[in-house]
PDB file of N, CA and C in Angstrom:
ATOM      1  N   MET A   1      99.484  93.528 115.316  1.00  0.00           N
ATOM      2  CA  MET A   1      98.319  94.549 114.670  1.00  0.00           C
ATOM      3  C   MET A   1      98.082  93.168 112.789  1.00  0.00           C
ATOM      4  N   LYS A   2      99.848  93.508 112.185  1.00  0.00           N
ATOM      5  CA  LYS A   2      98.959  92.621 110.544  1.00  0.00           C
ATOM      6  C   LYS A   2      99.006  91.262 110.961  1.00  0.00           C
ATOM      7  N   ASN A   3      99.658  90.370 111.919  1.00  0.00           N
ATOM      8  CA  ASN A   3      99.511  89.294 112.260  1.00  0.00           C
ATOM      9  C   ASN A   3      97.742  89.522 113.303  1.00  0.00           C
ATOM     10  N   GLU A   4      97.214  90.031 113.626  1.00  0.00           N
ATOM     11  CA  GLU A   4      95.888  89.846 113.914  1.00  0.00           C
ATOM     12  C   GLU A   4      94.785  89.823 112.684  1.00  0.00           C
ATOM     13  N   ILE A   5      94.981  90.960 111.444  1.00  0.00           N
ATOM     14  CA  ILE A   5      94.325  91.250 110.317  1.00  0.00           C
ATOM     15  C   ILE A   5      95.364  89.809 109.823  1.00  0.00           C
ATOM     16  N   ALA A   6      95.710  89.265 109.429  1.00  0.00           N
ATOM     17  CA  ALA A   6      96.417  88.011 109.026  1.00  0.00           C
ATOM     18  C   ALA A   6      95.288  86.689 109.713  1.00  0.00           C
ATOM     19  N   LYS A   7      95.789  86.948 111.216  1.00  0.00           N
ATOM     20  CA  LYS A   7      94.368  85.531 111.558  1.00  0.00           C
ATOM     21  C   LYS A   7      93.131  85.749 111.051  1.00  0.00           C
ATOM     22  N   GLU A   8      92.435  86.912 111.350  1.00  0.00           N
ATOM     23  CA  GLU A   8      91.050  87.283 111.539  1.00  0.00           C
ATOM     24  C   GLU A   8      90.405  87.211 109.794  1.00  0.00           C
ATOM     25  N   MET A   9      91.280  87.709 109.185  1.00  0.00           N
ATOM     26  CA  MET A   9      90.758  88.037 107.601  1.00  0.00           C
ATOM     27  C   MET A   9      91.894  87.013 106.511  1.00  0.00           C
ATOM     28  N   GLY A  10      92.590  86.361 106.662  1.00  0.00           N
ATOM     29  CA  GLY A  10      93.044  85.297 105.771  1.00  0.00           C
ATOM     30  C   GLY A  10      94.900  86.325 105.838  1.00  0.00           C
ATOM     31  N   LYS A  11      95.549  85.464 104.814  1.00  0.00           N
ATOM     32  CA  LYS A  11      96.985  86.220 104.687  1.00  0.00           C
ATOM     33  C   LYS A  11      96.877  87.199 103.088  1.00  0.00           C
ATOM     34  N   PRO A  12      95.641  86.745 102.638  1.00  0.00           N
ATOM     35  CA  PRO A  12      95.462  87.760 101.193  1.00  0.00           C
ATOM     36  C   PRO A  12      95.751  89.461 102.501  1.00  0.00           C
ATOM     37  N   PHE A  13      95.318  89.432 103.009  1.00  0.00           N
ATOM     38  CA  PHE A  13      95.440  91.027 103.409  1.00  0.00           C
ATOM     39  C   PHE A  13      95.780  91.238 104.838  1.00  0.00           C
ATOM     40  N   LYS A  14      96.816  90.283 104.833  1.00  0.00           N
ATOM     41  CA  LYS A  14      98.129  91.360 105.767  1.00  0.00           C
ATOM     42  C   LYS A  14      98.672  91.833 104.780  1.00  0.00           C
ATOM     43  N   SER A  15      98.585  93.607 105.244  1.00  0.00           N
ATOM     44  CA  SER A  15      99.943  94.397 104.187  1.00  0.00           C
ATOM     45  C   SER A  15     100.681  94.305 105.208  1.00  0.00           C
ATOM     46  N   LYS A  16     101.612  95.205 104.094  1.00  0.00           N
ATOM     47  CA  LYS A  16     102.902  95.337 104.760  1.00  0.00           C
ATOM     48  C   LYS A  16     102.995  96.497 105.723  1.00  0.00           C
ATOM     49  N   GLU A  17     101.822  97.593 105.433  1.00  0.00           N
ATOM     50  CA  GLU A  17     102.172  98.779 106.227  1.00  0.00           C
ATOM     51  C   GLU A  17     100.579  98.740 106.506  1.00  0.00           C
ATOM     52  N   ILE A  18     100.681  99.777 108.384  1.00  0.00           N
ATOM     53  CA  ILE A  18      99.111  99.981 108.177  1.00  0.00           C
ATOM     54  C   ILE A  18      98.811 101.921 108.435  1.00  0.00           C
ATOM     55  N   TYR A  19      97.789 102.502 108.078  1.00  0.00           N
ATOM     56  CA  TYR A  19      97.719 103.707 108.602  1.00  0.00           C
ATOM     57  C   TYR A  19      96.510 104.031 109.274  1.00  0.00           C
ATOM     58  N   PHE A  20      96.267 104.767 110.117  1.00  0.00           N
ATOM     59  CA  PHE A  20      95.319 104.833 111.333  1.00  0.00           C
ATOM     60  C   PHE A  20      95.103 106.461 110.750  1.00  0.00           C
ATOM     61  N   VAL A  21      93.244 106.746 110.353  1.00  0.00           N
ATOM     62  CA  VAL A  21      93.006 107.879 109.602  1.00  0.00           C
ATOM     63  C   VAL A  21      91.619 108.009 110.541  1.00  0.00           C
ATOM     64  N   SER A  22      91.323 109.277 110.793  1.00  0.00           N
ATOM     65  CA  SER A  22      90.160 109.632 111.634  1.00  0.00           C
ATOM     66  C   SER A  22      89.035 109.307 111.075  1.00  0.00           C
ATOM     67  N   ASP A  23      89.697 108.902 108.886  1.00  0.00           N
ATOM     68  CA  ASP A  23      87.772 108.904 109.105  1.00  0.00           C
ATOM     69  C   ASP A  23      87.957 108.486 107.607  1.00  0.00           C
ATOM     70  N   LEU A  24      87.565 108.033 106.506  1.00  0.00           N
ATOM     71  CA  LEU A  24      87.138 107.679 105.374  1.00  0.00           C
ATOM     72  C   LEU A  24      85.979 107.833 104.497  1.00  0.00           C
ATOM     73  N   PRO A  25      86.832 108.539 103.843  1.00  0.00           N
ATOM     74  CA  PRO A  25      85.531 109.130 102.583  1.00  0.00           C
ATOM     75  C   PRO A  25      84.233 108.604 102.461  1.00  0.00           C
ATOM     76  N   LYS A  26      83.381 108.936 102.562  1.00  0.00           N
ATOM     77  CA  LYS A  26      82.207 107.958 102.207  1.00  0.00           C
ATOM     78  C   LYS A  26      81.111 109.207 101.808  1.00  0.00           C
ATOM     79  N   THR A  27      79.981 107.998 101.306  1.00  0.00           N
ATOM     80  CA  THR A  27      79.079 109.145 100.381  1.00  0.00           C
ATOM     81  C   THR A  27      78.040 108.865 101.281  1.00  0.00           C
ATOM     82  N   ARG A  28      76.724 110.205 101.349  1.00  0.00           N
ATOM     83  CA  ARG A  28      75.902 110.266 101.890  1.00  0.00           C
ATOM     84  C   ARG A  28      74.939 108.871 102.425  1.00  0.00           C
ATOM     85  N   ASN A  29      74.944 107.749 101.288  1.00  0.00           N
ATOM     86  CA  ASN A  29      74.950 106.490 101.677  1.00  0.00           C
ATOM     87  C   ASN A  29      75.499 105.698 102.521  1.00  0.00           C
ATOM     88  N   GLY A  30      76.549 106.286 102.957  1.00  0.00           N
ATOM     89  CA  GLY A  30      78.047 105.489 103.654  1.00  0.00           C
ATOM     90  C   GLY A  30      78.536 104.421 103.321  1.00  0.00           C
ATOM     91  N   LYS A  31      78.968 104.548 101.675  1.00  0.00           N
ATOM     92  CA  LYS A  31      79.718 103.968 100.616  1.00  0.00           C
ATOM     93  C   LYS A  31      80.778 104.649 101.014  1.00  0.00           C
ATOM     94  N   VAL A  32      81.784 103.281 101.494  1.00  0.00           N
ATOM     95  CA  VAL A  32      83.269 103.909 101.450  1.00  0.00           C
ATOM     96  C   VAL A  32      83.770 104.088 100.125  1.00  0.00           C
ATOM     97  N   MET A  33      83.994 105.589  99.146  1.00  0.00           N
ATOM     98  CA  MET A  33      84.974 105.696  98.349  1.00  0.00           C
ATOM     99  C   MET A  33      86.677 104.881  98.278  1.00  0.00           C
ATOM    100  N   ARG A  34      86.475 103.567  97.318  1.00  0.00           N
ATOM    101  CA  ARG A  34      88.423 103.223  97.614  1.00  0.00           C
ATOM    102  C   ARG A  34      88.495 103.518  96.908  1.00  0.00           C
ATOM    103  N   ARG A  35      87.763 103.857  95.285  1.00  0.00           N
ATOM    104  CA  ARG A  35      89.071 104.736  94.923  1.00  0.00           C
ATOM    105  C   ARG A  35      89.677 105.995  94.797  1.00  0.00           C
ATOM    106  N   ILE A  36      88.790 106.628  95.956  1.00  0.00           N
ATOM    107  CA  ILE A  36      89.054 107.772  96.094  1.00  0.00           C
ATOM    108  C   ILE A  36      90.486 107.877  97.096  1.00  0.00           C
ATOM    109  N   ILE A  37      90.268 107.159  97.791  1.00  0.00           N
ATOM    110  CA  ILE A  37      91.267 106.838  99.350  1.00  0.00           C
ATOM    111  C   ILE A  37      92.460 106.305  98.333  1.00  0.00           C
ATOM    112  N   LYS A  38      92.023 105.580  97.037  1.00  0.00           N
ATOM    113  CA  LYS A  38      93.495 104.490  96.164  1.00  0.00           C
ATOM    114  C   LYS A  38      94.457 106.189  96.049  1.00  0.00           C
ATOM    115  N   ASN A  39      93.319 107.016  95.121  1.00  0.00           N
ATOM    116  CA  ASN A  39      93.796 108.230  94.519  1.00  0.00           C
ATOM    117  C   ASN A  39      94.934 108.931  95.221  1.00  0.00           C
ATOM    118  N   ALA A  40      94.115 109.270  96.314  1.00  0.00           N
ATOM    119  CA  ALA A  40      94.836 110.305  96.816  1.00  0.00           C
ATOM    120  C   ALA A  40      95.923 110.029  97.874  1.00  0.00           C
ATOM    121  N   PHE A  41      96.020 108.620  98.327  1.00  0.00           N
ATOM    122  CA  PHE A  41      97.306 107.712  98.968  1.00  0.00           C
ATOM    123  C   PHE A  41      98.476 107.946  97.283  1.00  0.00           C
ATOM    124  N   LEU A  42      97.677 107.421  96.828  1.00  0.00           N
ATOM    125  CA  LEU A  42      98.982 107.767  95.595  1.00  0.00           C
ATOM    126  C   LEU A  42      99.586 108.954  95.006  1.00  0.00           C
ATOM    127  N   GLN A  43      99.163 110.052  95.468  1.00  0.00           N
ATOM    128  CA  GLN A  43      98.955 111.542  95.234  1.00  0.00           C
ATOM    129  C   GLN A  43      98.367 111.437  93.227  1.00  0.00           C
ATOM    130  N   ASN A  44      97.222 110.850  92.964  1.00  0.00           N
ATOM    131  CA  ASN A  44      96.997 110.886  91.513  1.00  0.00           C
ATOM    132  C   ASN A  44      95.532 111.994  91.516  1.00  0.00           C
ATOM    133  N   GLU A  45      95.570 112.263  90.553  1.00  0.00           N
ATOM    134  CA  GLU A  45      94.134 113.126  90.553  1.00  0.00           C
ATOM    135  C   GLU A  45      93.002 112.211  91.115  1.00  0.00           C
ATOM    136  N   ILE A  46      92.811 112.914  92.045  1.00  0.00           N
ATOM    137  CA  ILE A  46      91.207 113.003  93.060  1.00  0.00           C
ATOM    138  C   ILE A  46      90.136 112.483  91.978  1.00  0.00           C
ATOM    139  N   GLY A  47      89.906 113.792  91.393  1.00  0.00           N
ATOM    140  CA  GLY A  47      88.361 113.338  90.679  1.00  0.00           C
ATOM    141  C   GLY A  47      87.365 114.308  91.492  1.00  0.00           C
ATOM    142  N   ASP A  48      86.373 114.241  91.270  1.00  0.00           N
ATOM    143  CA  ASP A  48      85.489 114.937  92.623  1.00  0.00           C
ATOM    144  C   ASP A  48      85.321 114.442  93.429  1.00  0.00           C
ATOM    145  N   ILE A  49      85.256 115.318  94.885  1.00  0.00           N
ATOM    146  CA  ILE A  49      84.588 114.950  95.724  1.00  0.00           C
ATOM    147  C   ILE A  49      83.485 115.361  96.597  1.00  0.00           C
ATOM    148  N   SER A  50      82.862 116.607  95.732  1.00  0.00           N
ATOM    149  CA  SER A  50      82.258 117.408  96.234  1.00  0.00           C
ATOM    150  C   SER A  50      80.598 116.544  96.766  1.00  0.00           C
ATOM    151  N   ARG A  51      80.505 115.060  96.446  1.00  0.00           N
ATOM    152  CA  ARG A  51      79.730 114.292  97.105  1.00  0.00           C
ATOM    153  C   ARG A  51      79.563 113.690  98.183  1.00  0.00           C
ATOM    154  N   LEU A  52      80.603 113.892  98.667  1.00  0.00           N
ATOM    155  CA  LEU A  52      81.567 113.378  99.522  1.00  0.00           C
ATOM    156  C   LEU A  52      80.889 114.172 101.316  1.00  0.00           C
ATOM    157  N   VAL A  53      80.415 112.900 102.005  1.00  0.00           N
ATOM    158  CA  VAL A  53      79.799 113.997 103.700  1.00  0.00           C
ATOM    159  C   VAL A  53      81.602 114.512 103.721  1.00  0.00           C
ATOM    160  N   ASN A  54      82.146 113.821 103.824  1.00  0.00           N
ATOM    161  CA  ASN A  54      83.724 114.402 105.076  1.00  0.00           C
ATOM    162  C   ASN A  54      84.765 114.533 103.353  1.00  0.00           C
ATOM    163  N   PRO A  55      84.989 115.378 103.079  1.00  0.00           N
ATOM    164  CA  PRO A  55      85.920 115.729 101.962  1.00  0.00           C
ATOM    165  C   PRO A  55      87.292 115.864 102.743  1.00  0.00           C
ATOM    166  N   LYS A  56      87.189 116.658 103.697  1.00  0.00           N
ATOM    167  CA  LYS A  56      88.526 116.979 104.662  1.00  0.00           C
ATOM    168  C   LYS A  56      89.769 115.720 104.990  1.00  0.00           C
ATOM    169  N   CYS A  57      88.925 114.553 105.244  1.00  0.00           N
ATOM    170  CA  CYS A  57      89.708 113.149 105.493  1.00  0.00           C
ATOM    171  C   CYS A  57      90.667 112.917 104.057  1.00  0.00           C
ATOM    172  N   VAL A  58      89.940 113.487 102.977  1.00  0.00           N
ATOM    173  CA  VAL A  58      90.922 112.711 101.567  1.00  0.00           C
ATOM    174  C   VAL A  58      92.419 114.050 101.785  1.00  0.00           C
ATOM    175  N   GLU A  59      92.348 114.868 102.606  1.00  0.00           N
ATOM    176  CA  GLU A  59      93.368 115.363 102.661  1.00  0.00           C
ATOM    177  C   GLU A  59      94.209 115.286 103.325  1.00  0.00           C
ATOM    178  N   GLU A  60      93.460 114.295 104.950  1.00  0.00           N
ATOM    179  CA  GLU A  60      95.015 113.227 105.571  1.00  0.00           C
ATOM    180  C   GLU A  60      95.147 111.768 104.944  1.00  0.00           C
ATOM    181  N   ILE A  61      94.361 111.461 103.841  1.00  0.00           N
ATOM    182  CA  ILE A  61      95.121 110.418 103.221  1.00  0.00           C
ATOM    183  C   ILE A  61      96.084 111.258 102.598  1.00  0.00           C
ATOM    184  N   PHE A  62      95.857 112.086 101.906  1.00  0.00           N
ATOM    185  CA  PHE A  62      97.035 112.654 100.600  1.00  0.00           C
ATOM    186  C   PHE A  62      98.453 113.073 101.774  1.00  0.00           C
ATOM    187  N   ALA A  63      98.201 113.036 102.395  1.00  0.00           N
ATOM    188  CA  ALA A  63      99.228 113.198 103.393  1.00  0.00           C
ATOM    189  C   ALA A  63     100.373 112.007 104.174  1.00  0.00           C
ATOM    190  N   LEU A  64      99.256 111.464 103.959  1.00  0.00           N
ATOM    191  CA  LEU A  64     100.200 109.750 104.661  1.00  0.00           C
ATOM    192  C   LEU A  64     101.312 108.835 103.440  1.00  0.00           C
ATOM    193  N   ASN A  65     101.253 109.464 102.457  1.00  0.00           N
ATOM    194  CA  ASN A  65     102.437 108.591 100.896  1.00  0.00           C
ATOM    195  C   ASN A  65     103.371 109.323 101.946  1.00  0.00           C
ATOM    196  N   ILE A  66     104.315 108.059 101.755  1.00  0.00           N
ATOM    197  CA  ILE A  66     105.803 108.634 102.903  1.00  0.00           C
ATOM    198  C   ILE A  66     106.593 108.033 101.451  1.00  0.00           C
ATOM    199  N   THR A  67     106.996 108.791 100.113  1.00  0.00           N
ATOM    200  CA  THR A  67     108.144 107.882  99.407  1.00  0.00           C
ATOM    201  C   THR A  67     109.045 108.990  99.547  1.00  0.00           C
TER     202      THR A  67
END
């Protein structure tokens, strides 16, 4: 999977790990909230998620961080 990503999108997008989740946190406009994804994965303060269409997926991302 990693090599396919590097082939299609370029080597800078080849990541060390790939995690699959059921959904990504999005606003009503369909904008993916990258800040929330990053903060949830790093287990930092997430902030206001009241405007997300699918706030439950943030918990799933929060649980991914395996340190």
